Amino acid sequence: MRHRTGFLSPPSDIAHLEKDFAKDFAVCSNAATHRMEADIPLLVPEVNPEHMKLIDAQRENRKWKGFLATNPNCSTVGLVMALKPIQDNFKIRSVTVTTMQALSGAGYPGVQALR
């Protein structure tokens, strides 16, 4: 079955509209709004392609012809892409990460925001 696909990145306050599109279209979202829903895959295809199987469950649960898939936030994507081959070969026990997204995402100007 062929699907019309949309890549959306709406602001979080209107991202709920993506579900309306997903009833009939394949929607790949960048919004955080749906990331914690059990039947919506949170995909980094190079790391967890098996999560695509959630699409079948999502369609059945929601009676949709299309689907909605999301990606994790930008710092997570880069992190897991780098960690996946290390994990596969050496088994990582723990990772500690610090990001300054709360500052930059809020629109504060760089180092001055750390004061």
PDB file of N, CA and C in Angstrom:
ATOM      1  N   MET A   1       0.834  -1.161   0.000  1.00  0.00           N
ATOM      2  CA  MET A   1       0.000   0.000   0.000  1.00  0.00           C
ATOM      3  C   MET A   1       0.892   1.242   0.000  1.00  0.00           C
ATOM      4  N   ARG A   2       0.623   2.172  -0.867  1.00  0.00           N
ATOM      5  CA  ARG A   2       1.387   3.412  -0.929  1.00  0.00           C
ATOM      6  C   ARG A   2       0.736   4.438  -0.015  1.00  0.00           C
ATOM      7  N   HIS A   3       1.588   5.219   0.620  1.00  0.00           N
ATOM      8  CA  HIS A   3       1.099   6.257   1.522  1.00  0.00           C
ATOM      9  C   HIS A   3       1.630   7.600   1.095  1.00  0.00           C
ATOM     10  N   ARG A   4       0.804   8.592   1.249  1.00  0.00           N
ATOM     11  CA  ARG A   4       1.292   9.957   1.126  1.00  0.00           C
ATOM     12  C   ARG A   4       1.914  10.291   2.470  1.00  0.00           C
ATOM     13  N   THR A   5       3.102  10.848   2.443  1.00  0.00           N
ATOM     14  CA  THR A   5       3.848  11.080   3.671  1.00  0.00           C
ATOM     15  C   THR A   5       4.047  12.566   3.884  1.00  0.00           C
ATOM     16  N   GLY A   6       3.953  12.968   5.140  1.00  0.00           N
ATOM     17  CA  GLY A   6       4.238  14.354   5.491  1.00  0.00           C
ATOM     18  C   GLY A   6       5.278  14.400   6.592  1.00  0.00           C
ATOM     19  N   PHE A   7       6.224  15.291   6.468  1.00  0.00           N
ATOM     20  CA  PHE A   7       7.205  15.517   7.518  1.00  0.00           C
ATOM     21  C   PHE A   7       6.828  16.836   8.170  1.00  0.00           C
ATOM     22  N   LEU A   8       6.412  16.761   9.417  1.00  0.00           N
ATOM     23  CA  LEU A   8       5.894  17.937  10.097  1.00  0.00           C
ATOM     24  C   LEU A   8       6.772  18.331  11.269  1.00  0.00           C
ATOM     25  N   SER A   9       6.775  19.603  11.556  1.00  0.00           N
ATOM     26  CA  SER A   9       7.491  20.106  12.720  1.00  0.00           C
ATOM     27  C   SER A   9       6.729  21.301  13.283  1.00  0.00           C
ATOM     28  N   PRO A  10       5.485  21.057  13.707  1.00  0.00           N
ATOM     29  CA  PRO A  10       4.701  22.182  14.225  1.00  0.00           C
ATOM     30  C   PRO A  10       5.118  22.527  15.649  1.00  0.00           C
ATOM     31  N   PRO A  11       4.792  23.719  16.081  1.00  0.00           N
ATOM     32  CA  PRO A  11       5.018  24.044  17.493  1.00  0.00           C
ATOM     33  C   PRO A  11       4.177  23.114  18.361  1.00  0.00           C
ATOM     34  N   SER A  12       4.643  22.845  19.558  1.00  0.00           N
ATOM     35  CA  SER A  12       3.964  21.885  20.441  1.00  0.00           C
ATOM     36  C   SER A  12       2.503  22.234  20.699  1.00  0.00           C
ATOM     37  N   ASP A  13       2.166  23.510  20.710  1.00  0.00           N
ATOM     38  CA  ASP A  13       0.788  23.886  21.036  1.00  0.00           C
ATOM     39  C   ASP A  13      -0.217  23.495  19.950  1.00  0.00           C
ATOM     40  N   ILE A  14       0.252  23.168  18.744  1.00  0.00           N
ATOM     41  CA  ILE A  14      -0.686  22.697  17.714  1.00  0.00           C
ATOM     42  C   ILE A  14      -0.318  21.311  17.180  1.00  0.00           C
ATOM     43  N   ALA A  15       0.670  20.668  17.772  1.00  0.00           N
ATOM     44  CA  ALA A  15       1.113  19.349  17.294  1.00  0.00           C
ATOM     45  C   ALA A  15       0.022  18.286  17.429  1.00  0.00           C
ATOM     46  N   HIS A  16      -0.968  18.528  18.266  1.00  0.00           N
ATOM     47  CA  HIS A  16      -2.062  17.560  18.389  1.00  0.00           C
ATOM     48  C   HIS A  16      -2.773  17.348  17.046  1.00  0.00           C
ATOM     49  N   LEU A  17      -2.666  18.311  16.147  1.00  0.00           N
ATOM     50  CA  LEU A  17      -3.299  18.198  14.834  1.00  0.00           C
ATOM     51  C   LEU A  17      -2.665  17.102  13.977  1.00  0.00           C
ATOM     52  N   GLU A  18      -1.451  16.700  14.306  1.00  0.00           N
ATOM     53  CA  GLU A  18      -0.782  15.644  13.545  1.00  0.00           C
ATOM     54  C   GLU A  18      -1.587  14.349  13.573  1.00  0.00           C
ATOM     55  N   LYS A  19      -2.272  14.098  14.660  1.00  0.00           N
ATOM     56  CA  LYS A  19      -3.079  12.877  14.755  1.00  0.00           C
ATOM     57  C   LYS A  19      -4.207  12.897  13.723  1.00  0.00           C
ATOM     58  N   ASP A  20      -4.754  14.061  13.433  1.00  0.00           N
ATOM     59  CA  ASP A  20      -5.794  14.154  12.409  1.00  0.00           C
ATOM     60  C   ASP A  20      -5.241  13.756  11.040  1.00  0.00           C
ATOM     61  N   PHE A  21      -4.017  14.208  10.742  1.00  0.00           N
ATOM     62  CA  PHE A  21      -3.386  13.839   9.478  1.00  0.00           C
ATOM     63  C   PHE A  21      -3.052  12.348   9.452  1.00  0.00           C
ATOM     64  N   ALA A  22      -2.594  11.810  10.578  1.00  0.00           N
ATOM     65  CA  ALA A  22      -2.152  10.416  10.642  1.00  0.00           C
ATOM     66  C   ALA A  22      -3.289   9.426  10.418  1.00  0.00           C
ATOM     67  N   LYS A  23      -4.504   9.854  10.532  1.00  0.00           N
ATOM     68  CA  LYS A  23      -5.625   8.955  10.255  1.00  0.00           C
ATOM     69  C   LYS A  23      -5.584   8.465   8.812  1.00  0.00           C
ATOM     70  N   ASP A  24      -5.061   9.290   7.897  1.00  0.00           N
ATOM     71  CA  ASP A  24      -5.043   8.946   6.478  1.00  0.00           C
ATOM     72  C   ASP A  24      -3.674   9.029   5.816  1.00  0.00           C
ATOM     73  N   PHE A  25      -2.689   9.609   6.517  1.00  0.00           N
ATOM     74  CA  PHE A  25      -1.372   9.822   5.923  1.00  0.00           C
ATOM     75  C   PHE A  25      -0.279   9.274   6.833  1.00  0.00           C
ATOM     76  N   ALA A  26       0.873   9.014   6.253  1.00  0.00           N
ATOM     77  CA  ALA A  26       2.069   8.680   7.031  1.00  0.00           C
ATOM     78  C   ALA A  26       2.667   9.997   7.508  1.00  0.00           C
ATOM     79  N   VAL A  27       2.745  10.181   8.822  1.00  0.00           N
ATOM     80  CA  VAL A  27       3.253  11.424   9.396  1.00  0.00           C
ATOM     81  C   VAL A  27       4.508  11.130  10.208  1.00  0.00           C
ATOM     82  N   CYS A  28       5.597  11.782   9.851  1.00  0.00           N
ATOM     83  CA  CYS A  28       6.852  11.696  10.592  1.00  0.00           C
ATOM     84  C   CYS A  28       7.039  13.043  11.280  1.00  0.00           C
ATOM     85  N   SER A  29       6.929  13.041  12.587  1.00  0.00           N
ATOM     86  CA  SER A  29       6.886  14.280  13.355  1.00  0.00           C
ATOM     87  C   SER A  29       8.183  14.553  14.096  1.00  0.00           C
ATOM     88  N   ASN A  30       8.497  15.812  14.214  1.00  0.00           N
ATOM     89  CA  ASN A  30       9.639  16.265  14.998  1.00  0.00           C
ATOM     90  C   ASN A  30       9.178  16.846  16.340  1.00  0.00           C
ATOM     91  N   ALA A  31       7.879  16.924  16.562  1.00  0.00           N
ATOM     92  CA  ALA A  31       7.344  17.514  17.786  1.00  0.00           C
ATOM     93  C   ALA A  31       7.465  16.550  18.965  1.00  0.00           C
ATOM     94  N   ALA A  32       7.650  17.091  20.137  1.00  0.00           N
ATOM     95  CA  ALA A  32       7.774  16.277  21.350  1.00  0.00           C
ATOM     96  C   ALA A  32       6.426  15.778  21.853  1.00  0.00           C
ATOM     97  N   THR A  33       5.364  16.299  21.345  1.00  0.00           N
ATOM     98  CA  THR A  33       4.018  16.067  21.869  1.00  0.00           C
ATOM     99  C   THR A  33       3.645  14.595  22.014  1.00  0.00           C
ATOM    100  N   HIS A  34       4.031  13.759  21.081  1.00  0.00           N
ATOM    101  CA  HIS A  34       3.578  12.359  21.051  1.00  0.00           C
ATOM    102  C   HIS A  34       4.657  11.360  21.466  1.00  0.00           C
ATOM    103  N   ARG A  35       5.799  11.836  21.903  1.00  0.00           N
ATOM    104  CA  ARG A  35       6.955  10.959  22.120  1.00  0.00           C
ATOM    105  C   ARG A  35       6.768   9.905  23.203  1.00  0.00           C
ATOM    106  N   MET A  36       5.880  10.096  24.118  1.00  0.00           N
ATOM    107  CA  MET A  36       5.728   9.137  25.220  1.00  0.00           C
ATOM    108  C   MET A  36       4.487   8.254  25.081  1.00  0.00           C
ATOM    109  N   GLU A  37       3.826   8.286  23.940  1.00  0.00           N
ATOM    110  CA  GLU A  37       2.643   7.450  23.740  1.00  0.00           C
ATOM    111  C   GLU A  37       3.079   6.036  23.356  1.00  0.00           C
ATOM    112  N   ALA A  38       2.466   5.058  23.973  1.00  0.00           N
ATOM    113  CA  ALA A  38       2.917   3.658  23.882  1.00  0.00           C
ATOM    114  C   ALA A  38       2.940   3.085  22.465  1.00  0.00           C
ATOM    115  N   ASP A  39       2.026   3.494  21.600  1.00  0.00           N
ATOM    116  CA  ASP A  39       1.967   2.894  20.268  1.00  0.00           C
ATOM    117  C   ASP A  39       2.512   3.816  19.169  1.00  0.00           C
ATOM    118  N   ILE A  40       3.207   4.870  19.553  1.00  0.00           N
ATOM    119  CA  ILE A  40       3.834   5.759  18.577  1.00  0.00           C
ATOM    120  C   ILE A  40       5.343   5.538  18.646  1.00  0.00           C
ATOM    121  N   PRO A  41       5.925   5.036  17.545  1.00  0.00           N
ATOM    122  CA  PRO A  41       7.355   4.750  17.588  1.00  0.00           C
ATOM    123  C   PRO A  41       8.200   6.015  17.738  1.00  0.00           C
ATOM    124  N   LEU A  42       9.209   5.907  18.563  1.00  0.00           N
ATOM    125  CA  LEU A  42      10.213   6.946  18.770  1.00  0.00           C
ATOM    126  C   LEU A  42      11.455   6.435  18.049  1.00  0.00           C
ATOM    127  N   LEU A  43      11.667   6.908  16.823  1.00  0.00           N
ATOM    128  CA  LEU A  43      12.607   6.260  15.919  1.00  0.00           C
ATOM    129  C   LEU A  43      13.933   6.982  15.723  1.00  0.00           C
ATOM    130  N   VAL A  44      14.969   6.193  15.765  1.00  0.00           N
ATOM    131  CA  VAL A  44      16.271   6.515  15.194  1.00  0.00           C
ATOM    132  C   VAL A  44      16.562   5.266  14.358  1.00  0.00           C
ATOM    133  N   PRO A  45      16.205   5.280  13.073  1.00  0.00           N
ATOM    134  CA  PRO A  45      16.223   4.046  12.276  1.00  0.00           C
ATOM    135  C   PRO A  45      17.526   3.262  12.304  1.00  0.00           C
ATOM    136  N   GLU A  46      18.662   3.956  12.431  1.00  0.00           N
ATOM    137  CA  GLU A  46      19.939   3.253  12.477  1.00  0.00           C
ATOM    138  C   GLU A  46      20.156   2.546  13.814  1.00  0.00           C
ATOM    139  N   VAL A  47      19.352   2.893  14.818  1.00  0.00           N
ATOM    140  CA  VAL A  47      19.524   2.353  16.162  1.00  0.00           C
ATOM    141  C   VAL A  47      18.401   1.388  16.535  1.00  0.00           C
ATOM    142  N   ASN A  48      17.165   1.728  16.239  1.00  0.00           N
ATOM    143  CA  ASN A  48      16.045   0.892  16.671  1.00  0.00           C
ATOM    144  C   ASN A  48      14.993   0.666  15.573  1.00  0.00           C
ATOM    145  N   PRO A  49      15.377   0.144  14.424  1.00  0.00           N
ATOM    146  CA  PRO A  49      14.405  -0.063  13.346  1.00  0.00           C
ATOM    147  C   PRO A  49      13.261  -0.990  13.732  1.00  0.00           C
ATOM    148  N   GLU A  50      13.483  -1.836  14.730  1.00  0.00           N
ATOM    149  CA  GLU A  50      12.424  -2.746  15.173  1.00  0.00           C
ATOM    150  C   GLU A  50      11.212  -2.007  15.740  1.00  0.00           C
ATOM    151  N   HIS A  51      11.382  -0.766  16.121  1.00  0.00           N
ATOM    152  CA  HIS A  51      10.254   0.021  16.645  1.00  0.00           C
ATOM    153  C   HIS A  51       9.234   0.348  15.558  1.00  0.00           C
ATOM    154  N   MET A  52       9.609   0.156  14.297  1.00  0.00           N
ATOM    155  CA  MET A  52       8.647   0.350  13.201  1.00  0.00           C
ATOM    156  C   MET A  52       7.467  -0.607  13.337  1.00  0.00           C
ATOM    157  N   LYS A  53       7.671  -1.725  14.035  1.00  0.00           N
ATOM    158  CA  LYS A  53       6.582  -2.689  14.228  1.00  0.00           C
ATOM    159  C   LYS A  53       5.412  -2.083  15.002  1.00  0.00           C
ATOM    160  N   LEU A  54       5.680  -1.034  15.767  1.00  0.00           N
ATOM    161  CA  LEU A  54       4.611  -0.360  16.506  1.00  0.00           C
ATOM    162  C   LEU A  54       3.563   0.254  15.576  1.00  0.00           C
ATOM    163  N   ILE A  55       3.947   0.528  14.355  1.00  0.00           N
ATOM    164  CA  ILE A  55       3.007   1.129  13.408  1.00  0.00           C
ATOM    165  C   ILE A  55       1.809   0.218  13.186  1.00  0.00           C
ATOM    166  N   ASP A  56       2.033  -1.082  13.056  1.00  0.00           N
ATOM    167  CA  ASP A  56       0.915  -2.015  12.879  1.00  0.00           C
ATOM    168  C   ASP A  56      -0.021  -1.974  14.086  1.00  0.00           C
ATOM    169  N   ALA A  57       0.549  -1.963  15.286  1.00  0.00           N
ATOM    170  CA  ALA A  57      -0.276  -1.885  16.509  1.00  0.00           C
ATOM    171  C   ALA A  57      -1.020  -0.560  16.565  1.00  0.00           C
ATOM    172  N   GLN A  58      -0.351   0.508  16.194  1.00  0.00           N
ATOM    173  CA  GLN A  58      -0.973   1.830  16.207  1.00  0.00           C
ATOM    174  C   GLN A  58      -2.177   1.871  15.267  1.00  0.00           C
ATOM    175  N   ARG A  59      -2.000   1.361  14.060  1.00  0.00           N
ATOM    176  CA  ARG A  59      -3.099   1.350  13.092  1.00  0.00           C
ATOM    177  C   ARG A  59      -4.283   0.533  13.618  1.00  0.00           C
ATOM    178  N   GLU A  60      -3.981  -0.592  14.218  1.00  0.00           N
ATOM    179  CA  GLU A  60      -5.056  -1.433  14.755  1.00  0.00           C
ATOM    180  C   GLU A  60      -5.736  -0.742  15.944  1.00  0.00           C
ATOM    181  N   ASN A  61      -4.951  -0.233  16.873  1.00  0.00           N
ATOM    182  CA  ASN A  61      -5.506   0.425  18.064  1.00  0.00           C
ATOM    183  C   ASN A  61      -6.355   1.644  17.720  1.00  0.00           C
ATOM    184  N   ARG A  62      -5.880   2.418  16.770  1.00  0.00           N
ATOM    185  CA  ARG A  62      -6.518   3.704  16.480  1.00  0.00           C
ATOM    186  C   ARG A  62      -7.397   3.673  15.238  1.00  0.00           C
ATOM    187  N   LYS A  63      -7.415   2.550  14.545  1.00  0.00           N
ATOM    188  CA  LYS A  63      -8.206   2.406  13.319  1.00  0.00           C
ATOM    189  C   LYS A  63      -7.808   3.435  12.269  1.00  0.00           C
ATOM    190  N   TRP A  64      -6.500   3.632  12.129  1.00  0.00           N
ATOM    191  CA  TRP A  64      -5.960   4.586  11.162  1.00  0.00           C
ATOM    192  C   TRP A  64      -5.495   3.859   9.916  1.00  0.00           C
ATOM    193  N   LYS A  65      -5.568   4.538   8.777  1.00  0.00           N
ATOM    194  CA  LYS A  65      -4.965   4.054   7.533  1.00  0.00           C
ATOM    195  C   LYS A  65      -3.504   4.484   7.477  1.00  0.00           C
ATOM    196  N   GLY A  66      -3.210   5.638   8.006  1.00  0.00           N
ATOM    197  CA  GLY A  66      -1.845   6.161   8.038  1.00  0.00           C
ATOM    198  C   GLY A  66      -1.182   5.808   9.355  1.00  0.00           C
ATOM    199  N   PHE A  67      -0.201   6.613   9.739  1.00  0.00           N
ATOM    200  CA  PHE A  67       0.467   6.406  11.023  1.00  0.00           C
ATOM    201  C   PHE A  67       1.193   7.671  11.445  1.00  0.00           C
ATOM    202  N   LEU A  68       1.621   7.670  12.689  1.00  0.00           N
ATOM    203  CA  LEU A  68       2.406   8.773  13.243  1.00  0.00           C
ATOM    204  C   LEU A  68       3.650   8.179  13.889  1.00  0.00           C
ATOM    205  N   ALA A  69       4.810   8.640  13.451  1.00  0.00           N
ATOM    206  CA  ALA A  69       6.087   8.250  14.054  1.00  0.00           C
ATOM    207  C   ALA A  69       6.823   9.524  14.451  1.00  0.00           C
ATOM    208  N   THR A  70       7.597   9.452  15.521  1.00  0.00           N
ATOM    209  CA  THR A  70       8.332  10.614  15.987  1.00  0.00           C
ATOM    210  C   THR A  70       9.813  10.291  16.099  1.00  0.00           C
ATOM    211  N   ASN A  71      10.587  11.323  16.329  1.00  0.00           N
ATOM    212  CA  ASN A  71      12.007  11.142  16.607  1.00  0.00           C
ATOM    213  C   ASN A  71      12.298  11.727  17.983  1.00  0.00           C
ATOM    214  N   PRO A  72      13.360  11.258  18.634  1.00  0.00           N
ATOM    215  CA  PRO A  72      13.730  11.865  19.917  1.00  0.00           C
ATOM    216  C   PRO A  72      14.315  13.257  19.680  1.00  0.00           C
ATOM    217  N   ASN A  73      14.618  13.964  20.749  1.00  0.00           N
ATOM    218  CA  ASN A  73      15.175  15.300  20.558  1.00  0.00           C
ATOM    219  C   ASN A  73      16.567  15.228  19.944  1.00  0.00           C
ATOM    220  N   CYS A  74      17.040  16.369  19.486  1.00  0.00           N
ATOM    221  CA  CYS A  74      18.267  16.411  18.690  1.00  0.00           C
ATOM    222  C   CYS A  74      19.499  15.908  19.442  1.00  0.00           C
ATOM    223  N   SER A  75      19.623  16.194  20.705  1.00  0.00           N
ATOM    224  CA  SER A  75      20.805  15.723  21.424  1.00  0.00           C
ATOM    225  C   SER A  75      20.770  14.204  21.605  1.00  0.00           C
ATOM    226  N   THR A  76      19.600  13.639  21.747  1.00  0.00           N
ATOM    227  CA  THR A  76      19.465  12.189  21.904  1.00  0.00           C
ATOM    228  C   THR A  76      19.831  11.459  20.617  1.00  0.00           C
ATOM    229  N   VAL A  77      19.410  11.986  19.477  1.00  0.00           N
ATOM    230  CA  VAL A  77      19.709  11.331  18.204  1.00  0.00           C
ATOM    231  C   VAL A  77      21.220  11.189  18.022  1.00  0.00           C
ATOM    232  N   GLY A  78      21.949  12.282  18.168  1.00  0.00           N
ATOM    233  CA  GLY A  78      23.397  12.230  18.010  1.00  0.00           C
ATOM    234  C   GLY A  78      24.059  11.310  19.017  1.00  0.00           C
ATOM    235  N   LEU A  79      23.568  11.342  20.233  1.00  0.00           N
ATOM    236  CA  LEU A  79      24.133  10.508  21.290  1.00  0.00           C
ATOM    237  C   LEU A  79      23.946   9.024  20.995  1.00  0.00           C
ATOM    238  N   VAL A  80      22.728   8.606  20.685  1.00  0.00           N
ATOM    239  CA  VAL A  80      22.490   7.176  20.476  1.00  0.00           C
ATOM    240  C   VAL A  80      23.138   6.665  19.194  1.00  0.00           C
ATOM    241  N   MET A  81      23.283   7.528  18.202  1.00  0.00           N
ATOM    242  CA  MET A  81      23.987   7.116  16.980  1.00  0.00           C
ATOM    243  C   MET A  81      25.443   6.776  17.295  1.00  0.00           C
ATOM    244  N   ALA A  82      26.054   7.561  18.164  1.00  0.00           N
ATOM    245  CA  ALA A  82      27.446   7.306  18.541  1.00  0.00           C
ATOM    246  C   ALA A  82      27.567   6.122  19.502  1.00  0.00           C
ATOM    247  N   LEU A  83      26.590   5.971  20.398  1.00  0.00           N
ATOM    248  CA  LEU A  83      26.675   4.915  21.409  1.00  0.00           C
ATOM    249  C   LEU A  83      26.295   3.524  20.897  1.00  0.00           C
ATOM    250  N   LYS A  84      25.462   3.445  19.888  1.00  0.00           N
ATOM    251  CA  LYS A  84      24.977   2.144  19.393  1.00  0.00           C
ATOM    252  C   LYS A  84      26.111   1.191  19.034  1.00  0.00           C
ATOM    253  N   PRO A  85      27.082   1.574  18.202  1.00  0.00           N
ATOM    254  CA  PRO A  85      28.150   0.615  17.884  1.00  0.00           C
ATOM    255  C   PRO A  85      29.029   0.278  19.089  1.00  0.00           C
ATOM    256  N   ILE A  86      29.175   1.226  19.993  1.00  0.00           N
ATOM    257  CA  ILE A  86      29.951   0.936  21.208  1.00  0.00           C
ATOM    258  C   ILE A  86      29.199  -0.087  22.059  1.00  0.00           C
ATOM    259  N   GLN A  87      27.898   0.113  22.214  1.00  0.00           N
ATOM    260  CA  GLN A  87      27.067  -0.821  22.975  1.00  0.00           C
ATOM    261  C   GLN A  87      27.087  -2.211  22.344  1.00  0.00           C
ATOM    262  N   ASP A  88      26.966  -2.260  21.040  1.00  0.00           N
ATOM    263  CA  ASP A  88      26.947  -3.551  20.347  1.00  0.00           C
ATOM    264  C   ASP A  88      28.245  -4.324  20.531  1.00  0.00           C
ATOM    265  N   ASN A  89      29.351  -3.625  20.647  1.00  0.00           N
ATOM    266  CA  ASN A  89      30.653  -4.282  20.709  1.00  0.00           C
ATOM    267  C   ASN A  89      31.248  -4.403  22.104  1.00  0.00           C
ATOM    268  N   PHE A  90      30.883  -3.500  23.004  1.00  0.00           N
ATOM    269  CA  PHE A  90      31.562  -3.478  24.297  1.00  0.00           C
ATOM    270  C   PHE A  90      30.641  -3.439  25.514  1.00  0.00           C
ATOM    271  N   LYS A  91      29.348  -3.245  25.339  1.00  0.00           N
ATOM    272  CA  LYS A  91      28.367  -3.186  26.435  1.00  0.00           C
ATOM    273  C   LYS A  91      28.649  -2.011  27.395  1.00  0.00           C
ATOM    274  N   ILE A  92      27.954  -0.959  27.201  1.00  0.00           N
ATOM    275  CA  ILE A  92      28.080   0.244  28.024  1.00  0.00           C
ATOM    276  C   ILE A  92      27.358   0.016  29.344  1.00  0.00           C
ATOM    277  N   ARG A  93      27.973   0.377  30.430  1.00  0.00           N
ATOM    278  CA  ARG A  93      27.346   0.254  31.755  1.00  0.00           C
ATOM    279  C   ARG A  93      26.595   1.518  32.137  1.00  0.00           C
ATOM    280  N   SER A  94      27.151   2.674  31.821  1.00  0.00           N
ATOM    281  CA  SER A  94      26.461   3.922  32.129  1.00  0.00           C
ATOM    282  C   SER A  94      27.017   5.048  31.269  1.00  0.00           C
ATOM    283  N   VAL A  95      26.225   6.070  31.112  1.00  0.00           N
ATOM    284  CA  VAL A  95      26.606   7.254  30.349  1.00  0.00           C
ATOM    285  C   VAL A  95      26.077   8.460  31.108  1.00  0.00           C
ATOM    286  N   THR A  96      26.882   9.485  31.224  1.00  0.00           N
ATOM    287  CA  THR A  96      26.448  10.738  31.827  1.00  0.00           C
ATOM    288  C   THR A  96      26.548  11.828  30.768  1.00  0.00           C
ATOM    289  N   VAL A  97      25.462  12.531  30.555  1.00  0.00           N
ATOM    290  CA  VAL A  97      25.405  13.550  29.514  1.00  0.00           C
ATOM    291  C   VAL A  97      24.856  14.838  30.112  1.00  0.00           C
ATOM    292  N   THR A  98      25.431  15.950  29.718  1.00  0.00           N
ATOM    293  CA  THR A  98      24.913  17.261  30.100  1.00  0.00           C
ATOM    294  C   THR A  98      24.684  18.066  28.834  1.00  0.00           C
ATOM    295  N   THR A  99      23.492  18.600  28.687  1.00  0.00           N
ATOM    296  CA  THR A  99      23.226  19.506  27.566  1.00  0.00           C
ATOM    297  C   THR A  99      22.781  20.842  28.141  1.00  0.00           C
ATOM    298  N   MET A 100      22.861  21.844  27.351  1.00  0.00           N
ATOM    299  CA  MET A 100      22.424  23.178  27.759  1.00  0.00           C
ATOM    300  C   MET A 100      21.175  23.582  26.976  1.00  0.00           C
ATOM    301  N   GLN A 101      20.379  22.592  26.607  1.00  0.00           N
ATOM    302  CA  GLN A 101      19.190  22.860  25.808  1.00  0.00           C
ATOM    303  C   GLN A 101      18.192  23.763  26.515  1.00  0.00           C
ATOM    304  N   ALA A 102      18.102  23.656  27.807  1.00  0.00           N
ATOM    305  CA  ALA A 102      17.146  24.495  28.530  1.00  0.00           C
ATOM    306  C   ALA A 102      17.480  25.965  28.337  1.00  0.00           C
ATOM    307  N   LEU A 103      18.747  26.267  28.207  1.00  0.00           N
ATOM    308  CA  LEU A 103      19.157  27.650  27.972  1.00  0.00           C
ATOM    309  C   LEU A 103      18.939  28.041  26.522  1.00  0.00           C
ATOM    310  N   SER A 104      19.477  27.263  25.600  1.00  0.00           N
ATOM    311  CA  SER A 104      19.382  27.634  24.191  1.00  0.00           C
ATOM    312  C   SER A 104      17.956  27.514  23.680  1.00  0.00           C
ATOM    313  N   GLY A 105      17.235  26.506  24.139  1.00  0.00           N
ATOM    314  CA  GLY A 105      15.854  26.325  23.701  1.00  0.00           C
ATOM    315  C   GLY A 105      14.928  27.422  24.182  1.00  0.00           C
ATOM    316  N   ALA A 106      15.289  28.061  25.262  1.00  0.00           N
ATOM    317  CA  ALA A 106      14.482  29.162  25.789  1.00  0.00           C
ATOM    318  C   ALA A 106      14.820  30.481  25.110  1.00  0.00           C
ATOM    319  N   GLY A 107      15.829  30.474  24.246  1.00  0.00           N
ATOM    320  CA  GLY A 107      16.186  31.679  23.522  1.00  0.00           C
ATOM    321  C   GLY A 107      17.141  32.595  24.254  1.00  0.00           C
ATOM    322  N   TYR A 108      17.761  32.098  25.313  1.00  0.00           N
ATOM    323  CA  TYR A 108      18.718  32.925  26.045  1.00  0.00           C
ATOM    324  C   TYR A 108      20.034  33.000  25.284  1.00  0.00           C
ATOM    325  N   PRO A 109      20.727  34.124  25.362  1.00  0.00           N
ATOM    326  CA  PRO A 109      21.965  34.293  24.599  1.00  0.00           C
ATOM    327  C   PRO A 109      23.181  33.626  25.260  1.00  0.00           C
ATOM    328  N   GLY A 110      23.573  32.462  24.758  1.00  0.00           N
ATOM    329  CA  GLY A 110      24.804  31.782  25.097  1.00  0.00           C
ATOM    330  C   GLY A 110      25.293  31.856  26.525  1.00  0.00           C
ATOM    331  N   VAL A 111      26.557  32.129  26.688  1.00  0.00           N
ATOM    332  CA  VAL A 111      27.229  32.099  27.989  1.00  0.00           C
ATOM    333  C   VAL A 111      26.602  33.077  28.975  1.00  0.00           C
ATOM    334  N   GLN A 112      26.091  34.180  28.510  1.00  0.00           N
ATOM    335  CA  GLN A 112      25.455  35.149  29.406  1.00  0.00           C
ATOM    336  C   GLN A 112      24.311  34.542  30.192  1.00  0.00           C
ATOM    337  N   ALA A 113      23.640  33.550  29.591  1.00  0.00           N
ATOM    338  CA  ALA A 113      22.497  32.908  30.248  1.00  0.00           C
ATOM    339  C   ALA A 113      22.929  32.068  31.454  1.00  0.00           C
ATOM    340  N   LEU A 114      24.203  31.733  31.544  1.00  0.00           N
ATOM    341  CA  LEU A 114      24.677  30.906  32.653  1.00  0.00           C
ATOM    342  C   LEU A 114      24.891  31.714  33.940  1.00  0.00           C
ATOM    343  N   ARG A 115      24.781  33.003  33.861  1.00  0.00           N
ATOM    344  CA  ARG A 115      24.989  33.850  35.050  1.00  0.00           C
ATOM    345  C   ARG A 115      23.910  33.648  36.085  1.00  0.00           C
TER     346      ARG A 115
END
